[in-house]
Structure formats: structure tokens, C-alpha cells
Amino acid sequence: MSSFADGLNLVRAYFMEKDPNVAEKYFWKNSIAAYSWQKRDKTQP
């Protein structure tokens, strides 16, 4: 059985080989939809 950190490292390695926009969408932009993030500051994208 693998640890969460091992799984995350595997996924991270996979996406870091892709275009930076693909990795950004997976790690950052998908979290906006999943967690309903709200901007706290006008400087946030």
C-alpha cells in the first residue's frame, strides 16, 4: 500500500511532464470548482 505522499508525488511527476497550463488546471483551477474558493484579495487571479 502506498502513502498519500507517494500517490501525490506520482501524480505531480506525471503532470509536470505536461504543458504548464495542464498542470495548473489540474492542481489549481480544478480546486476552485471542487472547493468553491472565493477571492479574498483583488490581486488574486
PDB file of N, CA and C in Angstrom:
ATOM      1  N   MET A   1       0.844  -1.175   0.000  1.00  0.00           N
ATOM      2  CA  MET A   1       0.000   0.000   0.000  1.00  0.00           C
ATOM      3  C   MET A   1       0.895   1.245   0.000  1.00  0.00           C
ATOM      4  N   SER A   2       0.550   2.189  -0.821  1.00  0.00           N
ATOM      5  CA  SER A   2       1.308   3.442  -0.902  1.00  0.00           C
ATOM      6  C   SER A   2       0.705   4.494   0.017  1.00  0.00           C
ATOM      7  N   SER A   3       1.552   5.411   0.431  1.00  0.00           N
ATOM      8  CA  SER A   3       1.065   6.516   1.259  1.00  0.00           C
ATOM      9  C   SER A   3       0.458   7.591   0.360  1.00  0.00           C
ATOM     10  N   PHE A   4      -0.266   8.496   0.985  1.00  0.00           N
ATOM     11  CA  PHE A   4      -0.836   9.620   0.242  1.00  0.00           C
ATOM     12  C   PHE A   4       0.283  10.411  -0.439  1.00  0.00           C
ATOM     13  N   ALA A   5       1.377  10.641   0.272  1.00  0.00           N
ATOM     14  CA  ALA A   5       2.505  11.402  -0.286  1.00  0.00           C
ATOM     15  C   ALA A   5       3.075  10.709  -1.524  1.00  0.00           C
ATOM     16  N   ASP A   6       3.178   9.380  -1.495  1.00  0.00           N
ATOM     17  CA  ASP A   6       3.666   8.644  -2.660  1.00  0.00           C
ATOM     18  C   ASP A   6       2.733   8.828  -3.850  1.00  0.00           C
ATOM     19  N   GLY A   7       1.441   8.747  -3.600  1.00  0.00           N
ATOM     20  CA  GLY A   7       0.469   8.940  -4.672  1.00  0.00           C
ATOM     21  C   GLY A   7       0.523  10.345  -5.242  1.00  0.00           C
ATOM     22  N   LEU A   8       0.607  11.330  -4.353  1.00  0.00           N
ATOM     23  CA  LEU A   8       0.696  12.718  -4.807  1.00  0.00           C
ATOM     24  C   LEU A   8       1.960  12.949  -5.625  1.00  0.00           C
ATOM     25  N   ASN A   9       3.070  12.394  -5.176  1.00  0.00           N
ATOM     26  CA  ASN A   9       4.323  12.546  -5.922  1.00  0.00           C
ATOM     27  C   ASN A   9       4.234  11.919  -7.302  1.00  0.00           C
ATOM     28  N   LEU A  10       3.548  10.795  -7.414  1.00  0.00           N
ATOM     29  CA  LEU A  10       3.360  10.145  -8.709  1.00  0.00           C
ATOM     30  C   LEU A  10       2.522  11.023  -9.637  1.00  0.00           C
ATOM     31  N   VAL A  11       1.424  11.549  -9.123  1.00  0.00           N
ATOM     32  CA  VAL A  11       0.553  12.421  -9.924  1.00  0.00           C
ATOM     33  C   VAL A  11       1.294  13.697 -10.304  1.00  0.00           C
ATOM     34  N   ARG A  12       2.015  14.279  -9.357  1.00  0.00           N
ATOM     35  CA  ARG A  12       2.770  15.507  -9.619  1.00  0.00           C
ATOM     36  C   ARG A  12       3.812  15.274 -10.717  1.00  0.00           C
ATOM     37  N   ALA A  13       4.544  14.174 -10.643  1.00  0.00           N
ATOM     38  CA  ALA A  13       5.551  13.865 -11.661  1.00  0.00           C
ATOM     39  C   ALA A  13       4.905  13.734 -13.035  1.00  0.00           C
ATOM     40  N   TYR A  14       3.748  13.083 -13.097  1.00  0.00           N
ATOM     41  CA  TYR A  14       3.031  12.929 -14.366  1.00  0.00           C
ATOM     42  C   TYR A  14       2.662  14.282 -14.958  1.00  0.00           C
ATOM     43  N   PHE A  15       2.050  15.149 -14.155  1.00  0.00           N
ATOM     44  CA  PHE A  15       1.570  16.420 -14.680  1.00  0.00           C
ATOM     45  C   PHE A  15       2.698  17.411 -14.952  1.00  0.00           C
ATOM     46  N   MET A  16       3.821  17.293 -14.275  1.00  0.00           N
ATOM     47  CA  MET A  16       4.923  18.208 -14.519  1.00  0.00           C
ATOM     48  C   MET A  16       5.607  17.929 -15.861  1.00  0.00           C
ATOM     49  N   GLU A  17       5.344  16.755 -16.438  1.00  0.00           N
ATOM     50  CA  GLU A  17       5.853  16.447 -17.774  1.00  0.00           C
ATOM     51  C   GLU A  17       4.963  17.033 -18.862  1.00  0.00           C
ATOM     52  N   LYS A  18       3.779  17.468 -18.494  1.00  0.00           N
ATOM     53  CA  LYS A  18       2.818  18.042 -19.443  1.00  0.00           C
ATOM     54  C   LYS A  18       3.062  19.540 -19.604  1.00  0.00           C
ATOM     55  N   ASP A  19       2.284  20.139 -20.452  1.00  0.00           N
ATOM     56  CA  ASP A  19       2.309  21.583 -20.624  1.00  0.00           C
ATOM     57  C   ASP A  19       1.988  22.246 -19.281  1.00  0.00           C
ATOM     58  N   PRO A  20       2.656  23.350 -18.928  1.00  0.00           N
ATOM     59  CA  PRO A  20       2.372  24.010 -17.642  1.00  0.00           C
ATOM     60  C   PRO A  20       0.907  24.368 -17.442  1.00  0.00           C
ATOM     61  N   ASN A  21       0.191  24.679 -18.516  1.00  0.00           N
ATOM     62  CA  ASN A  21      -1.226  25.005 -18.398  1.00  0.00           C
ATOM     63  C   ASN A  21      -2.055  23.799 -17.953  1.00  0.00           C
ATOM     64  N   VAL A  22      -1.645  22.612 -18.369  1.00  0.00           N
ATOM     65  CA  VAL A  22      -2.348  21.388 -17.973  1.00  0.00           C
ATOM     66  C   VAL A  22      -2.155  21.145 -16.480  1.00  0.00           C
ATOM     67  N   ALA A  23      -0.923  21.281 -16.006  1.00  0.00           N
ATOM     68  CA  ALA A  23      -0.645  21.095 -14.581  1.00  0.00           C
ATOM     69  C   ALA A  23      -1.378  22.143 -13.748  1.00  0.00           C
ATOM     70  N   GLU A  24      -1.392  23.387 -14.218  1.00  0.00           N
ATOM     71  CA  GLU A  24      -2.088  24.461 -13.500  1.00  0.00           C
ATOM     72  C   GLU A  24      -3.575  24.152 -13.387  1.00  0.00           C
ATOM     73  N   LYS A  25      -4.162  23.677 -14.467  1.00  0.00           N
ATOM     74  CA  LYS A  25      -5.584  23.355 -14.427  1.00  0.00           C
ATOM     75  C   LYS A  25      -5.843  22.232 -13.429  1.00  0.00           C
ATOM     76  N   TYR A  26      -5.048  21.205 -13.443  1.00  0.00           N
ATOM     77  CA  TYR A  26      -5.273  20.067 -12.560  1.00  0.00           C
ATOM     78  C   TYR A  26      -5.101  20.449 -11.089  1.00  0.00           C
ATOM     79  N   PHE A  27      -4.006  21.129 -10.772  1.00  0.00           N
ATOM     80  CA  PHE A  27      -3.693  21.384  -9.369  1.00  0.00           C
ATOM     81  C   PHE A  27      -4.367  22.629  -8.804  1.00  0.00           C
ATOM     82  N   TRP A  28      -4.639  23.603  -9.640  1.00  0.00           N
ATOM     83  CA  TRP A  28      -5.124  24.879  -9.121  1.00  0.00           C
ATOM     84  C   TRP A  28      -6.549  25.172  -9.566  1.00  0.00           C
ATOM     85  N   LYS A  29      -6.773  25.173 -10.841  1.00  0.00           N
ATOM     86  CA  LYS A  29      -8.090  25.580 -11.338  1.00  0.00           C
ATOM     87  C   LYS A  29      -9.183  24.583 -10.994  1.00  0.00           C
ATOM     88  N   ASN A  30      -8.876  23.294 -10.986  1.00  0.00           N
ATOM     89  CA  ASN A  30      -9.895  22.319 -10.578  1.00  0.00           C
ATOM     90  C   ASN A  30     -10.269  22.481  -9.106  1.00  0.00           C
ATOM     91  N   SER A  31      -9.312  22.929  -8.294  1.00  0.00           N
ATOM     92  CA  SER A  31      -9.623  23.110  -6.868  1.00  0.00           C
ATOM     93  C   SER A  31     -10.606  24.255  -6.654  1.00  0.00           C
ATOM     94  N   ILE A  32     -10.611  25.227  -7.556  1.00  0.00           N
ATOM     95  CA  ILE A  32     -11.572  26.335  -7.455  1.00  0.00           C
ATOM     96  C   ILE A  32     -12.995  25.784  -7.542  1.00  0.00           C
ATOM     97  N   ALA A  33     -13.211  24.904  -8.501  1.00  0.00           N
ATOM     98  CA  ALA A  33     -14.544  24.325  -8.668  1.00  0.00           C
ATOM     99  C   ALA A  33     -14.867  23.343  -7.545  1.00  0.00           C
ATOM    100  N   ALA A  34     -13.897  22.526  -7.168  1.00  0.00           N
ATOM    101  CA  ALA A  34     -14.148  21.490  -6.164  1.00  0.00           C
ATOM    102  C   ALA A  34     -14.425  22.075  -4.778  1.00  0.00           C
ATOM    103  N   TYR A  35     -13.724  23.141  -4.430  1.00  0.00           N
ATOM    104  CA  TYR A  35     -13.837  23.688  -3.077  1.00  0.00           C
ATOM    105  C   TYR A  35     -14.564  25.032  -3.017  1.00  0.00           C
ATOM    106  N   SER A  36     -15.048  25.508  -4.160  1.00  0.00           N
ATOM    107  CA  SER A  36     -15.770  26.792  -4.243  1.00  0.00           C
ATOM    108  C   SER A  36     -14.971  27.934  -3.603  1.00  0.00           C
ATOM    109  N   TRP A  37     -13.688  27.999  -3.977  1.00  0.00           N
ATOM    110  CA  TRP A  37     -12.832  29.063  -3.434  1.00  0.00           C
ATOM    111  C   TRP A  37     -13.398  30.430  -3.765  1.00  0.00           C
ATOM    112  N   GLN A  38     -13.266  31.346  -2.855  1.00  0.00           N
ATOM    113  CA  GLN A  38     -13.679  32.731  -3.040  1.00  0.00           C
ATOM    114  C   GLN A  38     -12.447  33.630  -2.918  1.00  0.00           C
ATOM    115  N   LYS A  39     -12.368  34.633  -3.771  1.00  0.00           N
ATOM    116  CA  LYS A  39     -11.254  35.571  -3.696  1.00  0.00           C
ATOM    117  C   LYS A  39     -11.322  36.349  -2.390  1.00  0.00           C
ATOM    118  N   ARG A  40     -10.175  36.523  -1.754  1.00  0.00           N
ATOM    119  CA  ARG A  40     -10.094  37.317  -0.551  1.00  0.00           C
ATOM    120  C   ARG A  40      -9.409  38.639  -0.808  1.00  0.00           C
ATOM    121  N   ASP A  41      -8.735  38.721  -1.956  1.00  0.00           N
ATOM    122  CA  ASP A  41      -7.939  39.906  -2.270  1.00  0.00           C
ATOM    123  C   ASP A  41      -8.072  40.180  -3.769  1.00  0.00           C
ATOM    124  N   LYS A  42      -8.097  41.435  -4.151  1.00  0.00           N
ATOM    125  CA  LYS A  42      -8.250  41.805  -5.556  1.00  0.00           C
ATOM    126  C   LYS A  42      -7.077  41.356  -6.414  1.00  0.00           C
ATOM    127  N   THR A  43      -5.923  41.092  -5.813  1.00  0.00           N
ATOM    128  CA  THR A  43      -4.747  40.691  -6.580  1.00  0.00           C
ATOM    129  C   THR A  43      -4.741  39.201  -6.930  1.00  0.00           C
ATOM    130  N   GLN A  44      -5.660  38.439  -6.361  1.00  0.00           N
ATOM    131  CA  GLN A  44      -5.722  37.014  -6.671  1.00  0.00           C
ATOM    132  C   GLN A  44      -6.306  36.811  -8.062  1.00  0.00           C
ATOM    133  N   PRO A  45      -5.751  35.837  -8.780  1.00  0.00           N
ATOM    134  CA  PRO A  45      -6.278  35.555 -10.138  1.00  0.00           C
ATOM    135  C   PRO A  45      -7.657  34.911 -10.082  1.00  0.00           C
TER     136      PRO A  45
END
